[in-house]
C-alpha atoms as a PDB file:
ATOM      1  CA  UNK A   1      32.490  98.194  69.878  1.00  0.00           C
ATOM      2  CA  UNK A   2      32.928 101.837  70.843  1.00  0.00           C
ATOM      3  CA  UNK A   3      32.055 101.325  74.494  1.00  0.00           C
ATOM      4  CA  UNK A   4      34.376  98.315  74.734  1.00  0.00           C
ATOM      5  CA  UNK A   5      37.218 100.259  73.134  1.00  0.00           C
ATOM      6  CA  UNK A   6      36.719 103.207  75.482  1.00  0.00           C
ATOM      7  CA  UNK A   7      36.574 100.892  78.501  1.00  0.00           C
ATOM      8  CA  UNK A   8      39.824  99.192  77.472  1.00  0.00           C
ATOM      9  CA  UNK A   9      41.529 102.567  76.993  1.00  0.00           C
ATOM     10  CA  UNK A  10      40.241 103.639  80.414  1.00  0.00           C
ATOM     11  CA  UNK A  11      41.456 100.387  81.966  1.00  0.00           C
ATOM     12  CA  UNK A  12      44.900 100.852  80.430  1.00  0.00           C
ATOM     13  CA  UNK A  13      45.108 104.411  81.756  1.00  0.00           C
ATOM     14  CA  UNK A  14      44.018 103.184  85.186  1.00  0.00           C
ATOM     15  CA  UNK A  15      46.733 100.530  85.149  1.00  0.00           C
ATOM     16  CA  UNK A  16      49.366 103.080  84.160  1.00  0.00           C
ATOM     17  CA  UNK A  17      48.261 105.449  86.909  1.00  0.00           C
ATOM     18  CA  UNK A  18      48.339 102.620  89.490  1.00  0.00           C
ATOM     19  CA  UNK A  19      51.852 101.392  88.609  1.00  0.00           C
ATOM     20  CA  UNK A  20      53.748 104.121  90.516  1.00  0.00           C
ATOM     21  CA  UNK A  21      51.914 103.023  93.708  1.00  0.00           C
ATOM     22  CA  UNK A  22      53.469  99.535  93.471  1.00  0.00           C
ATOM     23  CA  UNK A  23      55.357  98.793  96.670  1.00  0.00           C
ATOM     24  CA  UNK A  24      54.065 101.800  98.596  1.00  0.00           C
ATOM     25  CA  UNK A  25      53.089 101.190 102.185  1.00  0.00           C
ATOM     26  CA  UNK A  26      50.301 102.780 104.150  1.00  0.00           C
ATOM     27  CA  UNK A  27      48.629 102.439 107.497  1.00  0.00           C
ATOM     28  CA  UNK A  28      45.122 102.848 108.818  1.00  0.00           C
ATOM     29  CA  UNK A  29      43.867 103.281 112.354  1.00  0.00           C
ATOM     30  CA  UNK A  30      41.257 100.740 113.415  1.00  0.00           C
ATOM     31  CA  UNK A  31      38.293 101.361 115.708  1.00  0.00           C
ATOM     32  CA  UNK A  32      40.196  99.862 118.658  1.00  0.00           C
ATOM     33  CA  UNK A  33      43.217 102.139 118.133  1.00  0.00           C
ATOM     34  CA  UNK A  34      45.205  99.345 116.530  1.00  0.00           C
ATOM     35  CA  UNK A  35      47.243 100.387 113.539  1.00  0.00           C
ATOM     36  CA  UNK A  36      46.889  98.237 110.435  1.00  0.00           C
ATOM     37  CA  UNK A  37      49.739  98.444 107.926  1.00  0.00           C
ATOM     38  CA  UNK A  38      49.576  97.237 104.347  1.00  0.00           C
ATOM     39  CA  UNK A  39      51.591  97.473 101.145  1.00  0.00           C
ATOM     40  CA  UNK A  40      50.260  97.867  97.614  1.00  0.00           C
ATOM     41  CA  UNK A  41      51.405  95.015  95.382  1.00  0.00           C
ATOM     42  CA  UNK A  42      50.469  95.216  91.712  1.00  0.00           C
ATOM     43  CA  UNK A  43      51.201  92.006  89.823  1.00  0.00           C
ATOM     44  CA  UNK A  44      50.874  91.164  86.171  1.00  0.00           C
ATOM     45  CA  UNK A  45      47.923  88.943  86.980  1.00  0.00           C
ATOM     46  CA  UNK A  46      46.030  91.790  88.635  1.00  0.00           C
ATOM     47  CA  UNK A  47      46.686  94.020  85.621  1.00  0.00           C
ATOM     48  CA  UNK A  48      45.377  91.362  83.214  1.00  0.00           C
ATOM     49  CA  UNK A  49      42.302  90.728  85.366  1.00  0.00           C
ATOM     50  CA  UNK A  50      41.651  94.471  85.537  1.00  0.00           C
ATOM     51  CA  UNK A  51      41.873  94.838  81.768  1.00  0.00           C
ATOM     52  CA  UNK A  52      39.567  91.849  81.164  1.00  0.00           C
ATOM     53  CA  UNK A  53      37.020  93.226  83.623  1.00  0.00           C
ATOM     54  CA  UNK A  54      37.223  96.670  82.002  1.00  0.00           C
ATOM     55  CA  UNK A  55      36.523  95.124  78.592  1.00  0.00           C
ATOM     56  CA  UNK A  56      33.606  93.076  79.932  1.00  0.00           C
ATOM     57  CA  UNK A  57      32.097  96.090  81.655  1.00  0.00           C
ATOM     58  CA  UNK A  58      32.419  98.147  78.473  1.00  0.00           C
ATOM     59  CA  UNK A  59      30.734  95.419  76.425  1.00  0.00           C
ATOM     60  CA  UNK A  60      27.936  95.007  78.964  1.00  0.00           C
ATOM     61  CA  UNK A  61      27.459  98.766  79.237  1.00  0.00           C
ATOM     62  CA  UNK A  62      27.163  99.206  75.494  1.00  0.00           C
ATOM     63  CA  UNK A  63      24.948  96.192  74.865  1.00  0.00           C
ATOM     64  CA  UNK A  64      21.604  97.572  76.090  1.00  0.00           C
ATOM     65  CA  UNK A  65      21.844 100.903  74.221  1.00  0.00           C
ATOM     66  CA  UNK A  66      22.862  98.996  71.077  1.00  0.00           C
ATOM     67  CA  UNK A  67      19.838  96.696  71.326  1.00  0.00           C
ATOM     68  CA  UNK A  68      17.553  99.686  71.843  1.00  0.00           C
ATOM     69  CA  UNK A  69      19.038 101.539  68.873  1.00  0.00           C
ATOM     70  CA  UNK A  70      18.698  98.453  66.678  1.00  0.00           C
ATOM     71  CA  UNK A  71      14.932  98.294  67.322  1.00  0.00           C
ATOM     72  CA  UNK A  72      14.234 101.907  66.286  1.00  0.00           C
ATOM     73  CA  UNK A  73      13.188 102.267  62.612  1.00  0.00           C
ATOM     74  CA  UNK A  74      15.748 104.188  60.556  1.00  0.00           C
ATOM     75  CA  UNK A  75      13.371 106.892  59.370  1.00  0.00           C
ATOM     76  CA  UNK A  76      12.092 107.502  62.899  1.00  0.00           C
ATOM     77  CA  UNK A  77      15.632 107.773  64.249  1.00  0.00           C
ATOM     78  CA  UNK A  78      16.594 110.249  61.506  1.00  0.00           C
ATOM     79  CA  UNK A  79      13.509 112.371  62.148  1.00  0.00           C
ATOM     80  CA  UNK A  80      14.142 112.512  65.911  1.00  0.00           C
ATOM     81  CA  UNK A  81      17.811 113.418  65.506  1.00  0.00           C
END
């Protein structure tokens, strides 16, 4: 639960930081000296997908440590702490 919550908070902060870049344009020089221009477009769909992926990554990242902690006997965990 904790890792999922932290991932969702991080995803929300990432979305808020990315919003001011909406509509900005940039250019990059290719290897054949051709300039490639592009504009950042942040839609509601991309924000929702980003938040869902952040939550899934947080859940997946916290799952293995939780399984490992669940297998350790309580007295052994308290002694090692």
